[in-house]
Amino acid sequence: MLHFVFENHGTVFLVWPLTDEAADWLHATAPEDAIFFNGALVVEHRYAGDVLFAVYKAGFTWSTEFWPEKDGRG
């Protein structure tokens, strides 16, 4: 099961949680001043690796290219 998609937009990444568990974790661990856009965490590109490592350490799976068909993004 895929938990997160990291979407690269050059200067920022959007970190999309794909499960309720992932969304709960993301909201619980994001800083208070974090910016969310339509459910995705907005991350400056220089911090994307740190977020990805935290996702990995928490035991979640991730991708940079996969979107489930039900979301209509693929």
N, C-alpha and C. Protein backbone atom coordinates (compact mmCIF):
# COMPACT_ATOMS: atom_id res chain seq x y z
N MET A 1 0.84 -1.18 0.00
CA MET A 1 0.00 0.00 0.00
C MET A 1 0.89 1.24 0.00
N LEU A 2 0.54 2.18 -0.82
CA LEU A 2 1.29 3.44 -0.91
C LEU A 2 0.67 4.46 0.03
N HIS A 3 1.52 5.13 0.81
CA HIS A 3 1.05 6.09 1.80
C HIS A 3 1.21 7.55 1.38
N PHE A 4 2.29 7.87 0.65
CA PHE A 4 2.58 9.26 0.28
C PHE A 4 3.04 9.36 -1.16
N VAL A 5 2.72 10.48 -1.78
CA VAL A 5 3.31 10.86 -3.06
C VAL A 5 4.01 12.20 -2.84
N PHE A 6 5.27 12.28 -3.29
CA PHE A 6 6.04 13.51 -3.27
C PHE A 6 6.03 14.08 -4.68
N GLU A 7 5.43 15.22 -4.85
CA GLU A 7 5.26 15.83 -6.16
C GLU A 7 6.20 17.04 -6.27
N ASN A 8 7.14 16.98 -7.20
CA ASN A 8 8.15 18.02 -7.35
C ASN A 8 7.64 19.14 -8.25
N HIS A 9 7.67 20.35 -7.71
CA HIS A 9 7.26 21.53 -8.48
C HIS A 9 8.39 22.56 -8.53
N GLY A 10 9.61 22.08 -8.56
CA GLY A 10 10.77 22.96 -8.68
C GLY A 10 11.18 23.55 -7.34
N THR A 11 10.61 24.67 -6.97
CA THR A 11 11.02 25.31 -5.72
C THR A 11 10.32 24.70 -4.50
N VAL A 12 9.24 23.99 -4.72
CA VAL A 12 8.53 23.34 -3.62
C VAL A 12 8.13 21.92 -4.01
N PHE A 13 7.94 21.10 -3.00
CA PHE A 13 7.35 19.77 -3.15
C PHE A 13 5.99 19.79 -2.48
N LEU A 14 5.06 19.07 -3.04
CA LEU A 14 3.78 18.81 -2.38
C LEU A 14 3.82 17.38 -1.89
N VAL A 15 3.57 17.19 -0.60
CA VAL A 15 3.59 15.86 -0.01
C VAL A 15 2.14 15.47 0.24
N TRP A 16 1.66 14.55 -0.59
CA TRP A 16 0.26 14.14 -0.56
C TRP A 16 0.10 12.87 0.27
N PRO A 17 -0.66 12.91 1.36
CA PRO A 17 -0.97 11.66 2.07
C PRO A 17 -2.10 10.93 1.34
N LEU A 18 -1.94 9.64 1.18
CA LEU A 18 -2.92 8.86 0.43
C LEU A 18 -3.81 7.99 1.31
N THR A 19 -3.50 7.94 2.60
CA THR A 19 -4.32 7.16 3.53
C THR A 19 -4.66 8.05 4.73
N ASP A 20 -5.67 7.65 5.46
CA ASP A 20 -6.03 8.40 6.68
C ASP A 20 -4.88 8.36 7.69
N GLU A 21 -4.25 7.20 7.81
CA GLU A 21 -3.12 7.06 8.74
C GLU A 21 -1.98 8.01 8.36
N ALA A 22 -1.69 8.11 7.08
CA ALA A 22 -0.63 9.00 6.62
C ALA A 22 -1.01 10.46 6.86
N ALA A 23 -2.25 10.80 6.61
CA ALA A 23 -2.71 12.18 6.83
C ALA A 23 -2.64 12.54 8.31
N ASP A 24 -3.05 11.63 9.18
CA ASP A 24 -2.98 11.88 10.62
C ASP A 24 -1.54 12.10 11.06
N TRP A 25 -0.63 11.25 10.59
CA TRP A 25 0.78 11.38 10.95
C TRP A 25 1.35 12.69 10.43
N LEU A 26 1.03 13.03 9.20
CA LEU A 26 1.56 14.25 8.60
C LEU A 26 1.12 15.49 9.38
N HIS A 27 -0.13 15.55 9.74
CA HIS A 27 -0.63 16.70 10.50
C HIS A 27 -0.06 16.73 11.92
N ALA A 28 0.18 15.56 12.50
CA ALA A 28 0.72 15.49 13.86
C ALA A 28 2.20 15.86 13.92
N THR A 29 2.93 15.62 12.84
CA THR A 29 4.38 15.85 12.86
C THR A 29 4.81 17.14 12.16
N ALA A 30 3.93 17.72 11.39
CA ALA A 30 4.28 18.97 10.69
C ALA A 30 4.38 20.12 11.71
N PRO A 31 5.25 21.07 11.46
CA PRO A 31 5.35 22.22 12.36
C PRO A 31 4.05 23.02 12.39
N GLU A 32 3.86 23.77 13.46
CA GLU A 32 2.62 24.55 13.61
C GLU A 32 2.43 25.54 12.46
N ASP A 33 3.53 26.06 11.92
CA ASP A 33 3.42 27.06 10.85
C ASP A 33 3.46 26.44 9.45
N ALA A 34 3.28 25.11 9.38
CA ALA A 34 3.29 24.43 8.09
C ALA A 34 2.15 24.91 7.21
N ILE A 35 2.40 24.90 5.91
CA ILE A 35 1.38 25.29 4.94
C ILE A 35 0.87 24.04 4.24
N PHE A 36 -0.45 23.91 4.22
CA PHE A 36 -1.09 22.82 3.50
C PHE A 36 -1.87 23.41 2.33
N PHE A 37 -1.79 22.73 1.19
CA PHE A 37 -2.50 23.16 -0.01
C PHE A 37 -3.37 22.01 -0.48
N ASN A 38 -4.67 22.16 -0.32
CA ASN A 38 -5.62 21.14 -0.76
C ASN A 38 -5.30 19.76 -0.18
N GLY A 39 -4.83 19.73 1.05
CA GLY A 39 -4.52 18.47 1.72
C GLY A 39 -3.08 18.04 1.67
N ALA A 40 -2.27 18.68 0.84
CA ALA A 40 -0.86 18.33 0.72
C ALA A 40 -0.01 19.30 1.52
N LEU A 41 1.05 18.77 2.13
CA LEU A 41 2.01 19.61 2.83
C LEU A 41 2.92 20.26 1.80
N VAL A 42 3.09 21.57 1.90
CA VAL A 42 3.99 22.30 1.01
C VAL A 42 5.36 22.36 1.68
N VAL A 43 6.39 21.88 0.98
CA VAL A 43 7.73 21.79 1.54
C VAL A 43 8.73 22.44 0.58
N GLU A 44 9.56 23.33 1.10
CA GLU A 44 10.64 23.89 0.29
C GLU A 44 11.54 22.74 -0.17
N HIS A 45 12.05 22.85 -1.40
CA HIS A 45 12.83 21.75 -1.97
C HIS A 45 14.01 21.35 -1.09
N ARG A 46 14.61 22.28 -0.38
CA ARG A 46 15.78 21.96 0.44
C ARG A 46 15.42 21.10 1.65
N TYR A 47 14.15 21.03 2.03
CA TYR A 47 13.72 20.22 3.17
C TYR A 47 13.00 18.93 2.75
N ALA A 48 12.79 18.75 1.47
CA ALA A 48 12.04 17.58 1.00
C ALA A 48 12.73 16.28 1.39
N GLY A 49 14.05 16.24 1.34
CA GLY A 49 14.78 15.04 1.73
C GLY A 49 14.59 14.70 3.20
N ASP A 50 14.56 15.72 4.05
CA ASP A 50 14.33 15.50 5.48
C ASP A 50 12.93 14.93 5.72
N VAL A 51 11.94 15.46 5.01
CA VAL A 51 10.57 14.96 5.16
C VAL A 51 10.49 13.53 4.66
N LEU A 52 11.11 13.27 3.53
CA LEU A 52 11.12 11.92 2.98
C LEU A 52 11.77 10.93 3.95
N PHE A 53 12.86 11.33 4.57
CA PHE A 53 13.53 10.45 5.53
C PHE A 53 12.63 10.19 6.74
N ALA A 54 11.92 11.21 7.21
CA ALA A 54 11.00 11.04 8.34
C ALA A 54 9.86 10.09 7.97
N VAL A 55 9.35 10.21 6.75
CA VAL A 55 8.30 9.31 6.26
C VAL A 55 8.83 7.87 6.27
N TYR A 56 10.03 7.69 5.76
CA TYR A 56 10.67 6.37 5.71
C TYR A 56 10.87 5.80 7.12
N LYS A 57 11.40 6.61 8.04
CA LYS A 57 11.65 6.15 9.40
C LYS A 57 10.37 5.79 10.13
N ALA A 58 9.27 6.45 9.77
CA ALA A 58 7.98 6.15 10.41
C ALA A 58 7.34 4.89 9.84
N GLY A 59 7.97 4.30 8.83
CA GLY A 59 7.48 3.04 8.28
C GLY A 59 6.48 3.18 7.15
N PHE A 60 6.36 4.38 6.60
CA PHE A 60 5.43 4.60 5.49
C PHE A 60 6.12 4.35 4.15
N THR A 61 5.31 4.10 3.14
CA THR A 61 5.82 3.95 1.78
C THR A 61 5.55 5.23 1.01
N TRP A 62 6.33 5.45 -0.03
CA TRP A 62 6.21 6.70 -0.79
C TRP A 62 6.61 6.47 -2.24
N SER A 63 6.24 7.43 -3.06
CA SER A 63 6.61 7.43 -4.47
C SER A 63 6.70 8.87 -4.94
N THR A 64 7.36 9.06 -6.06
CA THR A 64 7.40 10.38 -6.68
C THR A 64 6.66 10.40 -8.00
N GLU A 65 6.12 9.25 -8.42
CA GLU A 65 5.52 9.20 -9.75
C GLU A 65 4.17 8.52 -9.82
N PHE A 66 3.69 7.93 -8.78
CA PHE A 66 2.47 7.13 -8.85
C PHE A 66 1.29 7.87 -8.25
N TRP A 67 0.18 7.85 -8.97
CA TRP A 67 -1.09 8.36 -8.43
C TRP A 67 -2.14 7.30 -8.65
N PRO A 68 -2.86 6.93 -7.60
CA PRO A 68 -3.95 5.96 -7.79
C PRO A 68 -4.97 6.49 -8.79
N GLU A 69 -5.50 5.63 -9.61
CA GLU A 69 -6.45 6.05 -10.65
C GLU A 69 -7.68 6.73 -10.07
N LYS A 70 -8.09 6.34 -8.87
CA LYS A 70 -9.30 6.90 -8.29
C LYS A 70 -9.16 8.39 -8.03
N ASP A 71 -7.95 8.91 -7.91
CA ASP A 71 -7.74 10.33 -7.66
C ASP A 71 -7.83 11.15 -8.95
N GLY A 72 -7.80 10.48 -10.08
CA GLY A 72 -7.91 11.18 -11.35
C GLY A 72 -6.68 11.99 -11.73
N ARG A 73 -5.54 11.70 -11.12
CA ARG A 73 -4.34 12.45 -11.42
C ARG A 73 -3.45 11.72 -12.43
N GLY A 74 -3.63 10.43 -12.59
CA GLY A 74 -2.73 9.66 -13.44
C GLY A 74 -3.25 9.61 -14.81
